[in-house]
Amino acid sequence: MRLPRLEVVITILLAQTLFVASLSAQDEQNNINSLADTVMATAPLFEFSTGAGAFTRTQPPEPKPRRARRSALLVGLCVSYGVLQAPDAHATIRALHCSSVREETPIVSPFASQPAALIAFKAGVTAGTIRGIDRLNKSHPRLAIVTFGITNIGYAYLVQRNYRDIPAR
């Protein structure tokens, strides 16, 4: 029995997400341990001064906050999200011009009648979504990957359904 393409895509994305989530948990613990070792090795606790005092106590430098790196999977999910927006906009424009279909989404419906406005709106929403996921990635990297993976699965289903429902010319 063959699985439909959408189910195969969902299965692959879910497997990648679970694999990366388990790897990032191990990386977080290794990064915390290496950061503590670096701080302890580079900060002298006492300095000798040749002036009036013999020894002065110095404060160890505060560690800089660790910047969250984007994993390869998160970058791939960002790219695929942007790529999925193009066929979604195309399907919407094509459906509106082919038949008596109307846009049901209240936020998108003012832009649906003008293709340039719809594309600009979709580009803005895409940029905002990627920015939001990037901010989420700084504090919760696994949650960002899972959230974007689910979002991509939803959009893949939406695009597939939209193209299936558009009548042929």
C-alpha atoms as a PDB file:
ATOM      1  CA  MET A   1       0.000   0.000   0.000  1.00  0.00           C
ATOM      2  CA  ARG A   2       1.458   3.350  -1.056  1.00  0.00           C
ATOM      3  CA  LEU A   3       1.247   6.333   1.250  1.00  0.00           C
ATOM      4  CA  PRO A   4       0.091   9.628  -0.237  1.00  0.00           C
ATOM      5  CA  ARG A   5       2.851  12.216  -0.673  1.00  0.00           C
ATOM      6  CA  LEU A   6       1.610  14.405   2.153  1.00  0.00           C
ATOM      7  CA  GLU A   7       1.777  11.574   4.673  1.00  0.00           C
ATOM      8  CA  VAL A   8       5.329  10.777   3.562  1.00  0.00           C
ATOM      9  CA  VAL A   9       6.353  14.432   3.981  1.00  0.00           C
ATOM     10  CA  ILE A  10       4.735  14.582   7.424  1.00  0.00           C
ATOM     11  CA  THR A  11       6.484  11.389   8.504  1.00  0.00           C
ATOM     12  CA  ILE A  12       9.893  12.630   7.332  1.00  0.00           C
ATOM     13  CA  LEU A  13       9.494  16.042   9.011  1.00  0.00           C
ATOM     14  CA  LEU A  14       8.359  14.446  12.263  1.00  0.00           C
ATOM     15  CA  ALA A  15      11.284  12.000  12.277  1.00  0.00           C
ATOM     16  CA  GLN A  16      13.792  14.821  11.617  1.00  0.00           C
ATOM     17  CA  THR A  17      12.260  16.971  14.342  1.00  0.00           C
ATOM     18  CA  LEU A  18      12.439  14.220  16.943  1.00  0.00           C
ATOM     19  CA  PHE A  19      16.024  13.359  15.978  1.00  0.00           C
ATOM     20  CA  VAL A  20      17.210  16.979  16.205  1.00  0.00           C
ATOM     21  CA  ALA A  21      15.370  17.540  19.484  1.00  0.00           C
ATOM     22  CA  SER A  22      17.263  14.661  21.096  1.00  0.00           C
ATOM     23  CA  LEU A  23      20.587  15.913  19.730  1.00  0.00           C
ATOM     24  CA  SER A  24      20.055  19.495  20.895  1.00  0.00           C
ATOM     25  CA  ALA A  25      19.387  18.302  24.465  1.00  0.00           C
ATOM     26  CA  GLN A  26      22.836  16.694  24.518  1.00  0.00           C
ATOM     27  CA  ASP A  27      24.443  19.803  22.962  1.00  0.00           C
ATOM     28  CA  GLU A  28      22.919  22.109  25.594  1.00  0.00           C
ATOM     29  CA  GLN A  29      24.467  20.126  28.442  1.00  0.00           C
ATOM     30  CA  ASN A  30      27.877  20.042  26.690  1.00  0.00           C
ATOM     31  CA  ASN A  31      27.752  23.818  26.059  1.00  0.00           C
ATOM     32  CA  ILE A  32      26.953  24.567  29.714  1.00  0.00           C
ATOM     33  CA  ASN A  33      29.853  22.412  30.902  1.00  0.00           C
ATOM     34  CA  SER A  34      32.343  23.933  28.424  1.00  0.00           C
ATOM     35  CA  LEU A  35      31.227  27.486  29.317  1.00  0.00           C
ATOM     36  CA  ALA A  36      31.848  26.824  33.026  1.00  0.00           C
ATOM     37  CA  ASP A  37      35.286  25.338  32.282  1.00  0.00           C
ATOM     38  CA  THR A  38      36.236  28.338  30.115  1.00  0.00           C
ATOM     39  CA  VAL A  39      35.268  30.880  32.756  1.00  0.00           C
ATOM     40  CA  MET A  40      37.169  29.070  35.496  1.00  0.00           C
ATOM     41  CA  ALA A  41      40.308  28.613  33.380  1.00  0.00           C
ATOM     42  CA  THR A  42      40.601  32.188  32.077  1.00  0.00           C
ATOM     43  CA  ALA A  43      39.889  34.257  35.186  1.00  0.00           C
ATOM     44  CA  PRO A  44      42.780  34.716  37.630  1.00  0.00           C
ATOM     45  CA  LEU A  45      41.492  35.183  41.162  1.00  0.00           C
ATOM     46  CA  PHE A  46      44.493  37.177  42.404  1.00  0.00           C
ATOM     47  CA  GLU A  47      46.880  39.641  40.760  1.00  0.00           C
ATOM     48  CA  PHE A  48      50.202  40.794  42.101  1.00  0.00           C
ATOM     49  CA  SER A  49      50.741  44.526  42.050  1.00  0.00           C
ATOM     50  CA  THR A  50      54.113  46.172  42.587  1.00  0.00           C
ATOM     51  CA  GLY A  51      52.588  49.226  44.305  1.00  0.00           C
ATOM     52  CA  ALA A  52      51.722  49.594  47.984  1.00  0.00           C
ATOM     53  CA  GLY A  53      49.560  46.468  48.253  1.00  0.00           C
ATOM     54  CA  ALA A  54      50.931  43.003  47.774  1.00  0.00           C
ATOM     55  CA  PHE A  55      47.899  41.168  46.348  1.00  0.00           C
ATOM     56  CA  THR A  56      44.576  42.456  45.076  1.00  0.00           C
ATOM     57  CA  ARG A  57      41.540  40.311  44.468  1.00  0.00           C
ATOM     58  CA  THR A  58      40.058  40.582  40.968  1.00  0.00           C
ATOM     59  CA  GLN A  59      36.545  39.691  39.915  1.00  0.00           C
ATOM     60  CA  PRO A  60      36.195  37.003  37.276  1.00  0.00           C
ATOM     61  CA  PRO A  61      34.623  38.359  34.102  1.00  0.00           C
ATOM     62  CA  GLU A  62      30.927  37.721  33.695  1.00  0.00           C
ATOM     63  CA  PRO A  63      30.225  35.212  30.961  1.00  0.00           C
ATOM     64  CA  LYS A  64      28.596  36.651  27.879  1.00  0.00           C
ATOM     65  CA  PRO A  65      25.170  35.279  27.122  1.00  0.00           C
ATOM     66  CA  ARG A  66      25.352  32.385  24.731  1.00  0.00           C
ATOM     67  CA  ARG A  67      23.817  33.205  21.377  1.00  0.00           C
ATOM     68  CA  ALA A  68      21.470  30.573  20.144  1.00  0.00           C
ATOM     69  CA  ARG A  69      22.761  29.066  16.941  1.00  0.00           C
ATOM     70  CA  ARG A  70      20.298  28.120  14.289  1.00  0.00           C
ATOM     71  CA  SER A  71      20.422  24.446  13.579  1.00  0.00           C
ATOM     72  CA  ALA A  72      20.513  23.227  10.014  1.00  0.00           C
ATOM     73  CA  LEU A  73      17.012  21.821  10.448  1.00  0.00           C
ATOM     74  CA  LEU A  74      15.634  25.196  11.580  1.00  0.00           C
ATOM     75  CA  VAL A  75      17.231  26.946   8.613  1.00  0.00           C
ATOM     76  CA  GLY A  76      15.743  24.311   6.305  1.00  0.00           C
ATOM     77  CA  LEU A  77      12.340  24.774   7.900  1.00  0.00           C
ATOM     78  CA  CYS A  78      12.595  28.556   7.415  1.00  0.00           C
ATOM     79  CA  VAL A  79      13.453  28.105   3.745  1.00  0.00           C
ATOM     80  CA  SER A  80      10.694  25.562   3.184  1.00  0.00           C
ATOM     81  CA  TYR A  81       8.175  27.857   4.907  1.00  0.00           C
ATOM     82  CA  GLY A  82       9.126  30.680   2.557  1.00  0.00           C
ATOM     83  CA  VAL A  83       8.961  28.376  -0.441  1.00  0.00           C
ATOM     84  CA  LEU A  84       5.508  27.109   0.591  1.00  0.00           C
ATOM     85  CA  GLN A  85       4.165  30.669   0.622  1.00  0.00           C
ATOM     86  CA  ALA A  86       4.682  31.063  -3.139  1.00  0.00           C
ATOM     87  CA  PRO A  87       2.447  28.152  -4.230  1.00  0.00           C
ATOM     88  CA  ASP A  88      -0.117  29.170  -1.609  1.00  0.00           C
ATOM     89  CA  ALA A  89      -0.318  32.695  -3.059  1.00  0.00           C
ATOM     90  CA  HIS A  90      -0.367  31.275  -6.600  1.00  0.00           C
ATOM     91  CA  ALA A  91      -3.202  28.892  -5.772  1.00  0.00           C
ATOM     92  CA  THR A  92      -5.183  31.703  -4.146  1.00  0.00           C
ATOM     93  CA  ILE A  93      -4.746  34.039  -7.109  1.00  0.00           C
ATOM     94  CA  ARG A  94      -5.494  31.287  -9.620  1.00  0.00           C
ATOM     95  CA  ALA A  95      -8.618  30.162  -7.770  1.00  0.00           C
ATOM     96  CA  LEU A  96      -9.955  33.712  -7.521  1.00  0.00           C
ATOM     97  CA  HIS A  97      -9.502  34.270 -11.256  1.00  0.00           C
ATOM     98  CA  CYS A  98     -10.815  30.887 -12.425  1.00  0.00           C
ATOM     99  CA  SER A  99     -14.145  30.556 -10.727  1.00  0.00           C
ATOM    100  CA  SER A 100     -16.623  32.021  -8.303  1.00  0.00           C
ATOM    101  CA  VAL A 101     -14.389  31.354  -5.300  1.00  0.00           C
ATOM    102  CA  ARG A 102     -13.795  33.904  -2.588  1.00  0.00           C
ATOM    103  CA  GLU A 103     -11.135  34.146   0.100  1.00  0.00           C
ATOM    104  CA  GLU A 104     -12.542  32.991   3.441  1.00  0.00           C
ATOM    105  CA  THR A 105      -9.700  34.193   5.680  1.00  0.00           C
ATOM    106  CA  PRO A 106     -10.786  37.579   7.076  1.00  0.00           C
ATOM    107  CA  ILE A 107      -7.243  38.929   7.361  1.00  0.00           C
ATOM    108  CA  VAL A 108      -6.288  37.988   3.790  1.00  0.00           C
ATOM    109  CA  SER A 109      -9.576  38.825   2.042  1.00  0.00           C
ATOM    110  CA  PRO A 110      -8.859  42.585   1.604  1.00  0.00           C
ATOM    111  CA  PHE A 111      -5.655  41.717  -0.279  1.00  0.00           C
ATOM    112  CA  ALA A 112      -6.939  38.735  -2.265  1.00  0.00           C
ATOM    113  CA  SER A 113      -8.385  40.733  -5.170  1.00  0.00           C
ATOM    114  CA  GLN A 114      -5.016  42.398  -5.916  1.00  0.00           C
ATOM    115  CA  PRO A 115      -2.166  39.949  -6.637  1.00  0.00           C
ATOM    116  CA  ALA A 116       0.624  42.417  -5.784  1.00  0.00           C
ATOM    117  CA  ALA A 117      -0.980  43.266  -2.449  1.00  0.00           C
ATOM    118  CA  LEU A 118      -1.482  39.579  -1.656  1.00  0.00           C
ATOM    119  CA  ILE A 119       2.163  38.787  -2.424  1.00  0.00           C
ATOM    120  CA  ALA A 120       3.366  41.739  -0.327  1.00  0.00           C
ATOM    121  CA  PHE A 121       1.099  40.686   2.540  1.00  0.00           C
ATOM    122  CA  LYS A 122       2.351  37.091   2.379  1.00  0.00           C
ATOM    123  CA  ALA A 123       5.979  38.280   2.288  1.00  0.00           C
ATOM    124  CA  GLY A 124       5.409  40.412   5.387  1.00  0.00           C
ATOM    125  CA  VAL A 125       3.686  37.634   7.291  1.00  0.00           C
ATOM    126  CA  THR A 126       6.444  35.210   6.307  1.00  0.00           C
ATOM    127  CA  ALA A 127       9.175  37.586   7.500  1.00  0.00           C
ATOM    128  CA  GLY A 128       7.324  38.188  10.765  1.00  0.00           C
ATOM    129  CA  THR A 129       6.810  34.485  11.357  1.00  0.00           C
ATOM    130  CA  ILE A 130      10.476  33.692  10.713  1.00  0.00           C
ATOM    131  CA  ARG A 131      11.497  36.544  13.039  1.00  0.00           C
ATOM    132  CA  GLY A 132       9.200  35.216  15.756  1.00  0.00           C
ATOM    133  CA  ILE A 133      10.599  31.704  15.420  1.00  0.00           C
ATOM    134  CA  ASP A 134      14.128  33.135  15.541  1.00  0.00           C
ATOM    135  CA  ARG A 135      13.330  34.877  18.830  1.00  0.00           C
ATOM    136  CA  LEU A 136      11.774  31.685  20.188  1.00  0.00           C
ATOM    137  CA  ASN A 137      14.909  29.797  19.130  1.00  0.00           C
ATOM    138  CA  LYS A 138      17.059  31.933  21.458  1.00  0.00           C
ATOM    139  CA  SER A 139      15.289  30.706  24.576  1.00  0.00           C
ATOM    140  CA  HIS A 140      13.659  27.428  23.484  1.00  0.00           C
ATOM    141  CA  PRO A 141      15.444  25.910  20.468  1.00  0.00           C
ATOM    142  CA  ARG A 142      13.589  22.584  20.493  1.00  0.00           C
ATOM    143  CA  LEU A 143      10.216  24.273  20.776  1.00  0.00           C
ATOM    144  CA  ALA A 144      11.100  26.518  17.828  1.00  0.00           C
ATOM    145  CA  ILE A 145      11.925  23.508  15.658  1.00  0.00           C
ATOM    146  CA  VAL A 146       8.797  21.615  16.659  1.00  0.00           C
ATOM    147  CA  THR A 147       6.585  24.690  16.154  1.00  0.00           C
ATOM    148  CA  PHE A 148       8.005  25.455  12.731  1.00  0.00           C
ATOM    149  CA  GLY A 149       7.848  21.803  11.724  1.00  0.00           C
ATOM    150  CA  ILE A 150       4.154  21.664  12.581  1.00  0.00           C
ATOM    151  CA  THR A 151       3.579  24.964  10.768  1.00  0.00           C
ATOM    152  CA  ASN A 152       5.291  23.618   7.643  1.00  0.00           C
ATOM    153  CA  ILE A 153       3.248  20.429   7.767  1.00  0.00           C
ATOM    154  CA  GLY A 154       0.076  22.493   7.987  1.00  0.00           C
ATOM    155  CA  TYR A 155       1.078  24.683   5.057  1.00  0.00           C
ATOM    156  CA  ALA A 156       2.089  21.671   2.957  1.00  0.00           C
ATOM    157  CA  TYR A 157      -1.365  20.214   3.544  1.00  0.00           C
ATOM    158  CA  LEU A 158      -3.018  23.558   2.784  1.00  0.00           C
ATOM    159  CA  VAL A 159      -1.145  24.024  -0.497  1.00  0.00           C
ATOM    160  CA  GLN A 160      -1.868  20.452  -1.573  1.00  0.00           C
ATOM    161  CA  ARG A 161      -5.562  20.877  -0.774  1.00  0.00           C
ATOM    162  CA  ASN A 162      -5.756  24.238  -2.541  1.00  0.00           C
ATOM    163  CA  TYR A 163      -4.288  22.847  -5.756  1.00  0.00           C
ATOM    164  CA  ARG A 164      -6.563  19.820  -5.587  1.00  0.00           C
ATOM    165  CA  ASP A 165      -9.653  22.016  -5.220  1.00  0.00           C
ATOM    166  CA  ILE A 166      -8.826  24.453  -8.050  1.00  0.00           C
ATOM    167  CA  PRO A 167     -10.826  23.548 -11.136  1.00  0.00           C
ATOM    168  CA  ALA A 168      -8.776  22.728 -14.248  1.00  0.00           C
ATOM    169  CA  ARG A 169      -8.730  25.338 -17.010  1.00  0.00           C
END
